[in-house]
N, C-alpha and C. Protein backbone atom coordinates (compact mmCIF):
# COMPACT_ATOMS: atom_id res chain seq x y z
N MET A 1 54.26 18.72 -10.95
CA MET A 1 53.35 18.05 -11.72
C MET A 1 52.76 17.11 -10.55
N LEU A 2 51.37 17.58 -10.21
CA LEU A 2 50.38 17.45 -9.32
C LEU A 2 49.88 16.00 -9.17
N LEU A 3 49.98 15.34 -7.77
CA LEU A 3 49.47 13.59 -7.88
C LEU A 3 48.36 13.96 -6.89
N PHE A 4 47.58 13.05 -7.21
CA PHE A 4 46.33 13.09 -6.64
C PHE A 4 46.07 11.48 -6.14
N SER A 5 46.07 11.47 -4.81
CA SER A 5 45.07 10.06 -4.21
C SER A 5 43.82 10.05 -5.17
N PHE A 6 43.24 8.39 -5.16
CA PHE A 6 41.99 7.93 -5.47
C PHE A 6 41.03 8.36 -4.76
N SER A 7 41.18 8.64 -3.31
CA SER A 7 40.60 8.98 -2.13
C SER A 7 40.40 10.76 -3.03
N SER A 8 41.35 11.47 -3.08
CA SER A 8 41.74 13.22 -3.22
C SER A 8 40.30 13.30 -4.52
N PHE A 9 40.74 12.27 -5.87
CA PHE A 9 39.77 12.65 -6.79
C PHE A 9 38.35 11.97 -6.29
N GLN A 10 37.81 11.40 -5.74
CA GLN A 10 36.73 10.89 -5.32
C GLN A 10 36.21 12.51 -4.85
N ASN A 11 36.97 13.07 -3.93
CA ASN A 11 35.95 14.02 -3.28
C ASN A 11 35.74 15.73 -4.36
N ILE A 12 36.59 15.37 -5.24
CA ILE A 12 36.57 16.49 -6.18
C ILE A 12 35.34 15.98 -6.68
N TYR A 13 35.32 14.84 -7.10
CA TYR A 13 34.44 14.50 -8.00
C TYR A 13 32.95 14.61 -7.36
N GLN A 14 33.16 14.16 -6.05
CA GLN A 14 31.56 14.02 -5.60
C GLN A 14 30.92 15.74 -5.54
N ASN A 15 32.23 16.60 -5.22
CA ASN A 15 31.68 18.41 -4.75
C ASN A 15 31.20 18.46 -6.48
N ILE A 16 31.82 18.34 -7.59
CA ILE A 16 31.35 18.70 -8.69
C ILE A 16 29.89 18.05 -9.06
N TYR A 17 29.53 16.69 -8.97
CA TYR A 17 28.21 15.85 -9.14
C TYR A 17 27.27 16.34 -8.56
N CYS A 18 27.77 16.61 -7.30
CA CYS A 18 26.42 17.17 -6.74
C CYS A 18 26.59 18.57 -6.30
N SER A 19 26.56 19.64 -7.34
CA SER A 19 26.51 20.58 -7.50
C SER A 19 25.22 21.34 -6.47
N SER A 20 25.29 22.66 -6.02
CA SER A 20 23.94 22.98 -5.54
C SER A 20 23.17 23.59 -6.32
N ILE A 21 23.71 24.08 -7.39
CA ILE A 21 23.10 24.48 -8.54
C ILE A 21 22.04 23.48 -9.23
N LEU A 22 22.39 22.74 -10.05
CA LEU A 22 22.10 21.64 -10.01
C LEU A 22 21.00 21.06 -9.28
N VAL A 23 20.79 20.89 -7.59
CA VAL A 23 19.69 20.12 -6.83
C VAL A 23 18.57 21.32 -6.91
N PHE A 24 19.19 22.62 -6.46
CA PHE A 24 18.53 23.51 -6.33
C PHE A 24 17.37 23.67 -7.48
N VAL A 25 17.86 23.84 -9.16
CA VAL A 25 17.03 23.54 -9.97
C VAL A 25 15.77 22.46 -9.97
N VAL A 26 16.30 21.35 -9.55
CA VAL A 26 15.42 20.10 -9.23
C VAL A 26 14.50 20.45 -8.46
N LEU A 27 15.05 21.32 -7.34
CA LEU A 27 13.89 21.17 -5.86
C LEU A 27 12.84 22.80 -6.89
N ALA A 28 13.04 23.53 -7.44
CA ALA A 28 12.64 24.38 -7.84
C ALA A 28 11.28 24.03 -8.74
N VAL A 29 11.65 22.78 -9.46
CA VAL A 29 11.12 22.21 -10.53
C VAL A 29 9.92 21.80 -9.93
N ILE A 30 10.28 20.51 -8.78
CA ILE A 30 9.22 19.93 -8.33
C ILE A 30 8.70 19.66 -6.93
N TRP A 31 8.80 21.09 -6.12
CA TRP A 31 8.22 21.60 -5.31
C TRP A 31 6.91 21.46 -5.11
N PRO A 32 6.07 21.61 -6.04
CA PRO A 32 4.65 21.84 -5.91
C PRO A 32 4.07 20.64 -6.08
N VAL A 33 4.90 19.47 -6.36
CA VAL A 33 4.56 17.69 -6.25
C VAL A 33 4.90 17.68 -4.67
N LEU A 34 6.43 17.90 -4.17
CA LEU A 34 6.42 17.51 -3.09
C LEU A 34 5.58 17.93 -2.38
N LEU A 35 4.85 19.45 -2.24
CA LEU A 35 3.44 19.75 -1.05
C LEU A 35 2.97 19.37 -1.16
N LEU A 36 2.13 18.87 -2.54
CA LEU A 36 1.04 18.14 -2.49
C LEU A 36 0.91 16.62 -1.58
N ILE A 37 2.30 16.15 -1.99
CA ILE A 37 2.46 14.65 -1.19
C ILE A 37 2.62 15.00 0.22
N ALA A 38 3.04 16.07 0.51
CA ALA A 38 3.26 16.42 2.32
C ALA A 38 1.94 16.62 3.05
N ILE A 39 0.91 17.05 1.98
CA ILE A 39 -0.61 17.57 2.38
C ILE A 39 -1.08 15.94 2.38
N TRP A 40 -0.56 15.16 1.36
CA TRP A 40 -1.67 13.48 1.62
C TRP A 40 -1.00 12.84 2.89
N LEU A 41 0.10 13.27 3.10
CA LEU A 41 0.75 12.12 3.90
C LEU A 41 0.11 12.62 5.06
N HIS A 42 0.20 13.72 5.35
CA HIS A 42 -0.20 14.52 6.73
C HIS A 42 -1.46 13.92 6.73
N PHE A 43 -2.93 13.93 5.96
CA PHE A 43 -3.36 12.99 6.69
C PHE A 43 -3.82 11.94 6.53
N ALA A 44 -3.01 10.76 5.86
CA ALA A 44 -3.07 9.93 6.00
C ALA A 44 -1.98 8.89 7.08
N ASN A 45 -1.41 10.31 7.47
CA ASN A 45 -0.93 9.58 8.72
C ASN A 45 -0.75 9.56 10.05
N LYS A 46 -2.57 9.93 10.13
CA LYS A 46 -3.79 10.15 10.92
C LYS A 46 -2.24 11.54 12.01
N GLY A 47 -2.27 12.37 11.52
CA GLY A 47 -1.88 13.49 12.48
C GLY A 47 -0.41 13.71 12.74
N ALA A 48 0.22 12.65 12.48
CA ALA A 48 1.53 12.36 12.63
C ALA A 48 2.90 12.62 11.95
N GLY A 49 1.92 13.86 11.16
CA GLY A 49 2.61 14.29 10.23
C GLY A 49 3.34 13.54 8.74
N ALA A 50 4.15 14.66 7.81
CA ALA A 50 4.37 14.33 6.64
C ALA A 50 6.04 13.63 6.14
N PHE A 51 6.90 14.31 7.41
CA PHE A 51 8.14 14.31 6.91
C PHE A 51 8.72 13.58 8.20
N PHE A 52 9.80 13.01 8.47
CA PHE A 52 10.72 11.77 8.96
C PHE A 52 11.93 12.15 8.99
N THR A 53 12.49 12.85 10.16
CA THR A 53 13.76 13.20 10.49
C THR A 53 14.61 12.47 11.40
N GLN A 54 15.72 12.02 11.16
CA GLN A 54 16.79 11.26 12.26
C GLN A 54 18.28 11.09 11.56
N GLU A 55 18.88 11.54 12.67
CA GLU A 55 19.99 11.51 12.78
C GLU A 55 21.21 10.37 12.11
N ARG A 56 21.69 10.51 11.28
CA ARG A 56 22.79 9.14 10.53
C ARG A 56 24.01 10.19 10.31
N PRO A 57 25.08 8.93 10.21
CA PRO A 57 26.39 9.50 9.88
C PRO A 57 26.55 9.36 8.50
N GLY A 58 27.06 10.39 8.43
CA GLY A 58 27.78 10.62 6.94
C GLY A 58 28.76 10.46 6.71
N LYS A 59 29.77 11.30 5.54
CA LYS A 59 31.31 11.08 5.25
C LYS A 59 31.75 11.25 6.62
N ASN A 60 32.97 10.22 6.94
CA ASN A 60 34.11 10.13 7.70
C ASN A 60 33.36 9.89 9.14
N GLY A 61 31.77 9.53 9.05
CA GLY A 61 31.02 9.62 10.16
C GLY A 61 30.47 10.79 10.70
N LYS A 62 30.15 12.03 9.99
CA LYS A 62 29.65 13.13 10.97
C LYS A 62 28.29 12.99 10.83
N ILE A 63 27.62 13.35 11.49
CA ILE A 63 26.41 13.33 12.09
C ILE A 63 25.20 14.09 11.77
N PHE A 64 24.58 13.68 10.94
CA PHE A 64 23.63 14.71 9.99
C PHE A 64 21.89 14.17 10.21
N ARG A 65 21.16 15.28 9.94
CA ARG A 65 19.67 14.87 10.57
C ARG A 65 19.05 14.62 8.58
N VAL A 66 19.10 13.52 8.32
CA VAL A 66 18.38 12.65 7.12
C VAL A 66 16.66 13.28 7.20
N ILE A 67 16.15 13.89 6.17
CA ILE A 67 14.77 14.19 5.72
C ILE A 67 14.25 13.64 4.86
N LYS A 68 13.30 12.25 5.19
CA LYS A 68 12.17 12.12 4.09
C LYS A 68 10.65 12.08 4.52
N PHE A 69 10.24 11.24 3.45
CA PHE A 69 8.49 11.38 3.63
C PHE A 69 8.15 10.44 4.04
N LYS A 70 7.41 10.83 5.64
CA LYS A 70 6.99 9.17 6.56
C LYS A 70 5.78 8.85 6.05
N SER A 71 6.36 7.67 6.02
CA SER A 71 5.26 6.52 5.04
C SER A 71 4.34 5.51 6.14
N MET A 72 5.07 5.84 7.54
CA MET A 72 3.79 5.41 8.56
C MET A 72 3.33 5.98 9.56
N THR A 73 2.44 5.24 10.18
CA THR A 73 1.87 6.11 11.42
C THR A 73 2.73 5.65 12.54
N ASP A 74 2.47 6.67 13.80
CA ASP A 74 2.92 6.38 15.06
C ASP A 74 2.22 5.52 15.66
N GLU A 75 1.31 4.67 15.50
CA GLU A 75 0.39 3.84 16.36
C GLU A 75 1.29 2.83 17.20
N ARG A 76 0.95 2.77 18.42
CA ARG A 76 1.15 1.98 19.58
C ARG A 76 0.12 1.11 19.90
N ASP A 77 1.41 0.06 20.58
CA ASP A 77 0.12 -0.84 21.48
C ASP A 77 0.07 -0.44 22.79
N ALA A 78 -1.24 -1.25 23.77
CA ALA A 78 -1.12 -0.93 24.76
C ALA A 78 -0.31 -0.65 25.85
N GLU A 79 0.75 -0.95 25.96
CA GLU A 79 1.84 -0.86 26.39
C GLU A 79 2.53 0.20 25.85
N GLY A 80 2.77 1.32 24.97
CA GLY A 80 2.99 2.19 24.61
C GLY A 80 3.99 2.39 23.36
N LYS A 81 3.98 0.67 22.97
CA LYS A 81 5.28 0.35 21.77
C LYS A 81 4.90 0.65 20.49
N LEU A 82 5.87 0.97 19.85
CA LEU A 82 5.36 1.34 18.50
C LEU A 82 4.90 -0.14 17.68
N LEU A 83 3.91 -0.11 17.22
CA LEU A 83 3.31 -1.48 16.32
C LEU A 83 4.28 -1.54 15.06
N PRO A 84 4.45 -3.02 14.75
CA PRO A 84 5.34 -3.57 13.68
C PRO A 84 5.39 -2.83 12.77
N ASP A 85 6.09 -2.50 11.70
CA ASP A 85 6.47 -1.83 10.92
C ASP A 85 5.31 -2.24 9.70
N ALA A 86 4.63 -3.36 9.14
CA ALA A 86 3.34 -3.72 8.33
C ALA A 86 2.53 -3.19 8.44
N LYS A 87 1.96 -2.81 10.21
CA LYS A 87 0.70 -2.28 10.82
C LYS A 87 0.55 -1.02 10.75
N ARG A 88 1.84 -0.27 10.80
CA ARG A 88 1.72 1.27 11.07
C ARG A 88 1.98 1.88 9.48
N LEU A 89 2.43 0.56 8.55
CA LEU A 89 2.53 1.57 7.09
C LEU A 89 1.26 1.66 6.34
N THR A 90 0.95 3.05 5.80
CA THR A 90 -0.35 3.13 5.18
C THR A 90 -0.34 2.60 3.77
N HIS A 91 -1.63 3.06 2.95
CA HIS A 91 -1.63 2.63 1.74
C HIS A 91 -0.60 4.05 0.91
N VAL A 92 -1.34 5.30 1.35
CA VAL A 92 0.12 6.08 0.62
C VAL A 92 1.35 5.96 1.46
N GLY A 93 1.43 5.30 1.97
CA GLY A 93 3.06 5.15 2.58
C GLY A 93 3.44 3.94 1.60
N LYS A 94 2.76 2.97 1.14
CA LYS A 94 3.21 2.21 0.28
C LYS A 94 3.72 2.50 -0.97
N PHE A 95 2.64 3.71 -1.16
CA PHE A 95 2.72 3.91 -2.70
C PHE A 95 4.10 5.17 -2.82
N VAL A 96 4.09 5.76 -1.81
CA VAL A 96 5.35 6.61 -1.86
C VAL A 96 6.82 5.70 -1.98
N ARG A 97 6.69 4.38 -0.90
CA ARG A 97 7.93 3.71 -0.79
C ARG A 97 8.18 2.78 -2.22
N VAL A 98 7.19 2.26 -2.84
CA VAL A 98 7.47 1.60 -3.88
C VAL A 98 8.02 2.54 -5.12
N THR A 99 7.35 3.69 -5.28
CA THR A 99 7.77 4.48 -6.10
C THR A 99 9.53 5.62 -5.71
N SER A 100 9.82 5.58 -4.62
CA SER A 100 10.78 6.00 -3.78
C SER A 100 10.96 7.59 -3.70
N ILE A 101 9.42 7.76 -3.83
CA ILE A 101 9.29 9.35 -3.46
C ILE A 101 9.18 9.88 -2.03
N ASP A 102 9.21 8.57 -1.29
CA ASP A 102 9.74 9.00 0.40
C ASP A 102 11.07 9.71 0.35
N GLU A 103 11.92 9.48 -0.60
CA GLU A 103 13.20 9.77 -0.84
C GLU A 103 13.63 11.32 -1.52
N LEU A 104 12.82 11.41 -1.48
CA LEU A 104 12.71 13.22 -2.52
C LEU A 104 13.20 14.23 -1.63
N PRO A 105 12.73 14.16 -0.32
CA PRO A 105 12.99 15.42 0.33
C PRO A 105 14.92 15.36 0.66
N GLN A 106 15.38 14.33 0.85
CA GLN A 106 16.52 14.40 0.73
C GLN A 106 17.53 15.33 -0.14
N LEU A 107 16.91 15.26 -1.39
CA LEU A 107 17.52 16.25 -1.76
C LEU A 107 18.31 17.92 -1.05
N ILE A 108 17.24 17.99 0.13
CA ILE A 108 17.63 18.83 0.83
C ILE A 108 18.96 18.66 1.59
N ASN A 109 19.11 17.70 1.75
CA ASN A 109 20.33 17.11 2.25
C ASN A 109 21.20 17.05 1.35
N VAL A 110 21.24 17.02 0.12
CA VAL A 110 21.98 17.23 -1.38
C VAL A 110 22.62 18.43 -0.73
N LEU A 111 21.44 19.27 -1.05
CA LEU A 111 21.71 20.75 -1.41
C LEU A 111 22.68 21.16 0.40
N LYS A 112 22.45 20.65 1.44
CA LYS A 112 23.16 20.78 2.17
C LYS A 112 24.25 20.66 2.16
N GLY A 113 24.97 19.89 1.60
CA GLY A 113 25.98 19.36 1.88
C GLY A 113 26.29 17.71 2.71
N ASP A 114 25.22 17.25 3.10
CA ASP A 114 25.42 16.38 3.95
C ASP A 114 25.06 14.86 3.10
N MET A 115 24.84 15.18 2.22
CA MET A 115 24.61 13.69 0.83
C MET A 115 25.39 14.01 -0.23
N ALA A 116 24.92 12.91 -1.03
CA ALA A 116 25.58 12.87 -2.63
C ALA A 116 24.51 12.46 -3.23
N LEU A 117 24.04 12.89 -4.25
CA LEU A 117 23.11 11.82 -5.09
C LEU A 117 23.07 10.68 -5.15
N ILE A 118 24.78 10.26 -5.60
CA ILE A 118 24.65 8.64 -5.63
C ILE A 118 25.62 8.35 -4.29
N GLY A 119 25.58 7.37 -3.78
CA GLY A 119 26.65 7.12 -2.61
C GLY A 119 25.67 5.62 -1.79
N PRO A 120 26.46 5.08 -0.46
CA PRO A 120 25.87 4.36 0.38
C PRO A 120 25.00 4.87 0.95
N ARG A 121 23.77 4.04 1.29
CA ARG A 121 22.75 4.68 1.89
C ARG A 121 23.17 5.49 3.40
N PRO A 122 22.99 6.19 3.98
CA PRO A 122 22.66 6.80 5.36
C PRO A 122 22.31 5.89 6.28
N LEU A 123 22.84 4.88 7.08
CA LEU A 123 21.89 3.76 8.00
C LEU A 123 21.96 4.58 9.21
N LEU A 124 20.97 3.18 10.17
CA LEU A 124 21.20 3.85 11.84
C LEU A 124 22.59 4.21 12.34
N LEU A 125 22.47 5.49 13.68
CA LEU A 125 23.72 5.35 14.22
C LEU A 125 24.06 4.46 15.15
N GLN A 126 23.17 3.41 15.07
CA GLN A 126 23.22 2.59 16.32
C GLN A 126 24.30 0.98 15.45
N TYR A 127 24.24 1.18 14.62
CA TYR A 127 25.00 0.34 13.44
C TYR A 127 26.72 0.81 13.56
N LEU A 128 27.16 1.92 13.91
CA LEU A 128 28.37 2.68 13.49
C LEU A 128 29.46 1.53 14.76
N PRO A 129 29.10 0.94 15.94
CA PRO A 129 29.77 0.24 16.32
C PRO A 129 29.79 -1.31 15.92
N LEU A 130 29.05 -1.67 14.88
CA LEU A 130 28.66 -3.45 14.48
C LEU A 130 29.27 -3.47 13.49
N TYR A 131 30.04 -2.05 12.66
CA TYR A 131 30.60 -2.35 11.22
C TYR A 131 31.65 -3.25 11.54
N SER A 132 32.73 -4.14 10.97
CA SER A 132 34.18 -4.38 10.60
C SER A 132 34.67 -3.11 10.07
N LYS A 133 36.11 -3.27 10.19
CA LYS A 133 36.98 -2.33 9.59
C LYS A 133 36.53 -2.11 8.31
N GLU A 134 36.35 -3.23 7.42
CA GLU A 134 36.16 -2.87 6.12
C GLU A 134 35.05 -2.68 5.76
N GLN A 135 33.94 -3.41 6.47
CA GLN A 135 32.83 -2.08 6.53
C GLN A 135 32.16 -0.68 6.81
N ALA A 136 33.29 -0.47 7.70
CA ALA A 136 33.15 0.69 7.81
C ALA A 136 34.31 1.82 6.97
N ARG A 137 34.34 1.55 6.16
CA ARG A 137 34.97 1.91 4.85
C ARG A 137 33.83 2.82 3.51
N ARG A 138 32.83 2.51 4.33
CA ARG A 138 31.58 3.02 3.36
C ARG A 138 31.38 4.23 3.55
N HIS A 139 31.85 5.08 4.86
CA HIS A 139 31.49 6.45 5.00
C HIS A 139 32.89 7.17 4.81
N GLU A 140 33.36 6.90 3.95
CA GLU A 140 34.85 7.37 3.06
C GLU A 140 34.23 8.17 2.20
N VAL A 141 32.65 8.30 1.57
CA VAL A 141 32.24 8.92 0.79
C VAL A 141 30.97 9.67 1.31
N ARG A 142 30.47 10.36 0.69
CA ARG A 142 29.37 10.98 1.30
C ARG A 142 28.05 10.08 0.93
N PRO A 143 27.32 9.72 2.07
CA PRO A 143 26.15 8.89 1.49
C PRO A 143 24.98 9.55 0.52
N GLY A 144 24.39 8.70 -0.19
CA GLY A 144 23.46 9.11 -1.24
C GLY A 144 22.50 9.18 -1.26
N ILE A 145 21.20 9.33 -2.02
CA ILE A 145 20.05 8.74 -2.28
C ILE A 145 19.68 7.43 -2.82
N THR A 146 20.63 7.17 -3.77
CA THR A 146 20.73 6.04 -4.07
C THR A 146 21.84 5.55 -4.25
N GLY A 147 22.62 4.23 -4.45
CA GLY A 147 23.67 4.03 -4.82
C GLY A 147 23.68 2.70 -5.32
N TRP A 148 24.97 2.45 -5.51
CA TRP A 148 25.37 0.87 -5.84
C TRP A 148 24.04 -0.78 -5.16
N ALA A 149 24.29 -0.96 -3.76
CA ALA A 149 23.49 -1.70 -3.46
C ALA A 149 21.88 -1.70 -3.43
N GLN A 150 21.39 -0.37 -3.51
CA GLN A 150 19.84 -0.02 -3.58
C GLN A 150 19.71 -0.90 -5.30
N VAL A 151 20.57 -0.66 -6.00
CA VAL A 151 20.19 -1.06 -7.77
C VAL A 151 20.72 -2.60 -8.13
N ASN A 152 21.20 -3.09 -6.72
CA ASN A 152 21.89 -4.50 -6.81
C ASN A 152 21.11 -5.46 -5.52
N GLY A 153 19.40 -5.32 -5.71
CA GLY A 153 18.91 -5.67 -4.65
C GLY A 153 18.51 -5.20 -3.45
N ARG A 154 19.23 -3.84 -3.02
CA ARG A 154 18.28 -2.82 -2.07
C ARG A 154 17.94 -4.07 -0.97
N ASN A 155 16.85 -4.24 -0.53
CA ASN A 155 16.30 -4.70 0.88
C ASN A 155 16.13 -6.23 0.82
N THR A 156 16.36 -6.63 -0.59
CA THR A 156 16.11 -8.17 -0.31
C THR A 156 17.74 -9.22 -0.74
N ILE A 157 18.53 -8.26 -0.21
CA ILE A 157 19.91 -9.13 -0.27
C ILE A 157 20.30 -8.94 1.19
N SER A 158 21.18 -9.36 2.09
CA SER A 158 21.78 -9.60 2.98
C SER A 158 22.34 -8.43 3.35
N TRP A 159 22.59 -7.80 4.77
CA TRP A 159 23.53 -7.02 4.88
C TRP A 159 24.84 -7.21 4.61
N ALA A 160 25.65 -8.28 4.76
CA ALA A 160 26.96 -8.74 4.54
C ALA A 160 27.47 -8.18 2.78
N LYS A 161 26.19 -8.84 2.21
CA LYS A 161 26.26 -8.22 0.75
C LYS A 161 26.14 -6.78 0.75
N LYS A 162 24.95 -6.36 0.98
CA LYS A 162 24.72 -4.88 0.94
C LYS A 162 26.19 -4.32 0.73
N PHE A 163 27.03 -3.74 2.39
CA PHE A 163 28.00 -3.21 2.93
C PHE A 163 29.23 -3.87 1.62
N GLU A 164 29.42 -4.66 1.31
CA GLU A 164 30.15 -5.42 0.32
C GLU A 164 30.18 -4.52 -1.10
N LEU A 165 28.90 -4.17 -1.56
CA LEU A 165 28.53 -3.73 -2.48
C LEU A 165 28.93 -1.80 -2.34
N ASP A 166 28.31 -1.45 -1.38
CA ASP A 166 28.90 -0.18 -0.85
C ASP A 166 30.55 0.02 -0.60
N VAL A 167 31.27 -1.25 -0.41
CA VAL A 167 32.62 -0.55 -0.31
C VAL A 167 33.39 -1.04 -1.80
N TRP A 168 32.30 -1.80 -2.57
CA TRP A 168 33.05 -1.92 -4.11
C TRP A 168 33.02 -0.46 -4.68
N TYR A 169 31.78 0.05 -4.10
CA TYR A 169 31.25 1.36 -4.53
C TYR A 169 32.37 2.72 -4.24
N VAL A 170 32.81 2.31 -2.96
CA VAL A 170 34.01 3.67 -2.59
C VAL A 170 35.19 3.30 -3.27
N ASP A 171 35.57 2.36 -3.70
CA ASP A 171 36.61 1.79 -4.52
C ASP A 171 36.96 2.18 -6.07
N HIS A 172 35.68 2.14 -6.48
CA HIS A 172 35.37 2.08 -8.06
C HIS A 172 34.38 3.79 -8.24
N CYS A 173 34.02 4.25 -7.88
CA CYS A 173 33.45 5.46 -7.35
C CYS A 173 33.76 6.54 -8.67
N SER A 174 32.83 6.94 -9.84
CA SER A 174 33.31 7.64 -11.40
C SER A 174 31.99 8.08 -11.98
N PHE A 175 32.21 9.16 -12.46
CA PHE A 175 30.70 9.39 -13.30
C PHE A 175 30.28 8.74 -13.87
N LEU A 176 30.73 7.69 -14.85
CA LEU A 176 30.13 6.85 -15.54
C LEU A 176 29.49 5.69 -14.68
N LEU A 177 29.91 5.14 -13.52
CA LEU A 177 29.44 4.36 -12.74
C LEU A 177 28.46 5.14 -12.11
N ASP A 178 27.92 6.33 -11.67
CA ASP A 178 26.83 6.87 -11.04
C ASP A 178 25.99 6.84 -12.06
N LEU A 179 26.34 7.66 -13.47
CA LEU A 179 25.29 7.01 -14.65
C LEU A 179 24.78 6.14 -14.68
N LYS A 180 25.62 4.94 -14.55
CA LYS A 180 24.74 3.95 -14.82
C LYS A 180 23.86 3.52 -13.56
N ILE A 181 24.40 3.93 -12.96
CA ILE A 181 23.41 3.96 -11.12
C ILE A 181 21.92 4.57 -11.15
N VAL A 182 21.62 6.02 -11.82
CA VAL A 182 20.81 6.65 -12.13
C VAL A 182 19.61 6.04 -12.94
N PHE A 183 20.36 5.32 -14.05
CA PHE A 183 19.53 4.53 -15.04
C PHE A 183 19.38 3.03 -14.35
N MET A 184 19.85 2.78 -13.85
CA MET A 184 19.50 1.19 -13.09
C MET A 184 18.44 1.64 -11.85
N THR A 185 18.43 3.08 -11.44
CA THR A 185 17.85 3.29 -10.05
C THR A 185 16.49 3.68 -10.86
N ILE A 186 16.22 4.36 -11.93
CA ILE A 186 14.85 4.26 -12.83
C ILE A 186 14.21 3.28 -12.91
N ARG A 187 14.92 2.37 -13.79
CA ARG A 187 14.54 1.05 -13.66
C ARG A 187 13.69 0.36 -12.57
N LYS A 188 14.51 0.45 -11.52
CA LYS A 188 13.96 -0.37 -10.73
C LYS A 188 12.91 0.30 -9.70
N VAL A 189 12.89 1.93 -9.89
CA VAL A 189 11.48 2.72 -9.55
C VAL A 189 10.34 1.55 -10.47
N PHE A 190 10.58 1.76 -11.79
CA PHE A 190 9.22 1.48 -12.67
C PHE A 190 8.94 0.31 -12.45
N ILE A 191 9.69 -0.78 -12.29
CA ILE A 191 9.32 -2.12 -11.57
C ILE A 191 9.43 -2.53 -10.57
N ARG A 192 9.12 -1.30 -9.57
CA ARG A 192 8.92 -1.54 -7.95
C ARG A 192 9.73 -2.89 -7.86
N GLU A 193 11.26 -3.01 -7.71
CA GLU A 193 12.01 -4.07 -7.50
C GLU A 193 12.77 -3.92 -5.93
N GLY A 194 12.75 -4.92 -5.21
CA GLY A 194 13.59 -4.83 -4.08
C GLY A 194 13.33 -3.62 -3.23
N ILE A 195 11.55 -3.71 -2.80
CA ILE A 195 11.59 -2.62 -2.01
C ILE A 195 11.08 -3.50 -0.50
N SER A 196 10.98 -4.50 0.25
CA SER A 196 11.04 -4.97 0.96
C SER A 196 11.95 -6.21 0.79
N SER A 197 12.41 -6.98 2.39
CA SER A 197 12.91 -8.17 2.53
C SER A 197 11.92 -9.16 2.48
N ASP A 198 12.11 -10.14 2.73
CA ASP A 198 11.28 -11.53 2.54
C ASP A 198 10.32 -11.26 3.69
N THR A 199 11.33 -11.26 5.08
CA THR A 199 10.47 -11.45 6.33
C THR A 199 9.93 -10.12 6.78
N SER A 200 10.37 -9.12 6.01
CA SER A 200 9.94 -7.75 6.98
C SER A 200 9.37 -6.58 5.75
N ALA A 201 8.09 -5.44 6.14
CA ALA A 201 7.86 -4.86 5.45
C ALA A 201 8.79 -3.61 4.99
N THR A 202 10.19 -3.72 5.61
CA THR A 202 11.33 -2.69 5.21
C THR A 202 12.53 -3.48 5.32
N MET A 203 12.87 -3.38 6.34
CA MET A 203 14.29 -4.06 6.20
C MET A 203 14.33 -4.59 7.74
N GLU A 204 15.28 -5.19 8.23
CA GLU A 204 15.18 -6.40 8.94
C GLU A 204 16.53 -5.57 9.52
N VAL A 205 16.80 -4.89 10.94
CA VAL A 205 17.72 -4.39 12.05
C VAL A 205 19.16 -5.13 11.92
N PHE A 206 20.22 -4.31 11.72
CA PHE A 206 21.51 -5.03 11.41
C PHE A 206 22.12 -4.95 13.27
N THR A 207 22.29 -6.72 13.34
CA THR A 207 22.74 -7.02 14.43
C THR A 207 23.90 -7.33 14.74
N GLY A 208 25.15 -7.14 13.84
CA GLY A 208 26.06 -7.19 13.59
C GLY A 208 26.76 -8.45 12.94
N ASN A 209 27.93 -8.66 12.58
CA ASN A 209 28.64 -9.71 11.91
C ASN A 209 28.48 -11.25 11.89
N ASN A 210 28.12 -11.16 13.25
CA ASN A 210 27.68 -12.66 13.95
C ASN A 210 26.32 -13.44 14.29
């Protein structure tokens, strides 16, 4: 009789749930929409391009390059520093953010196996040494386009609460939970809830647990 640990079940489940065939079919259907949005953003971003890529840590901390629609320009001040997010966020950028359209290119990351549809959001590399041992467990599964923290506050909750929700998801990952997150995500997109924090156009930088 074969015995599987819970972590082994999670790995098998994620591979089944995020099959390349499913994502490929979705991309084949929506690619005209993605193309139109890319053209729209190219002009709205004043030549800064339509896509944003950045290295992020994935499962077990493996580094990959995440792909998103670019919602901000690259405008800088007189000293060459990027302007605050609120000043660089275009009207088109606000639209793709509040509708979560900016996340759709990450389906390519799912197709490549870097991400899952559901899981903790992939965050900045600079945060890696700042996590507590418990918080670092969020990397035991593949990061997702949406996740438990996203449907329970997203950018309106504290970093500590967000990481707590991420680790809770790691311990309770299941098909039924992911299905619940999918429906909750759709609802959040329609009511446009949790897009920005109270003090930032996006989310404050995580500076550690102290």
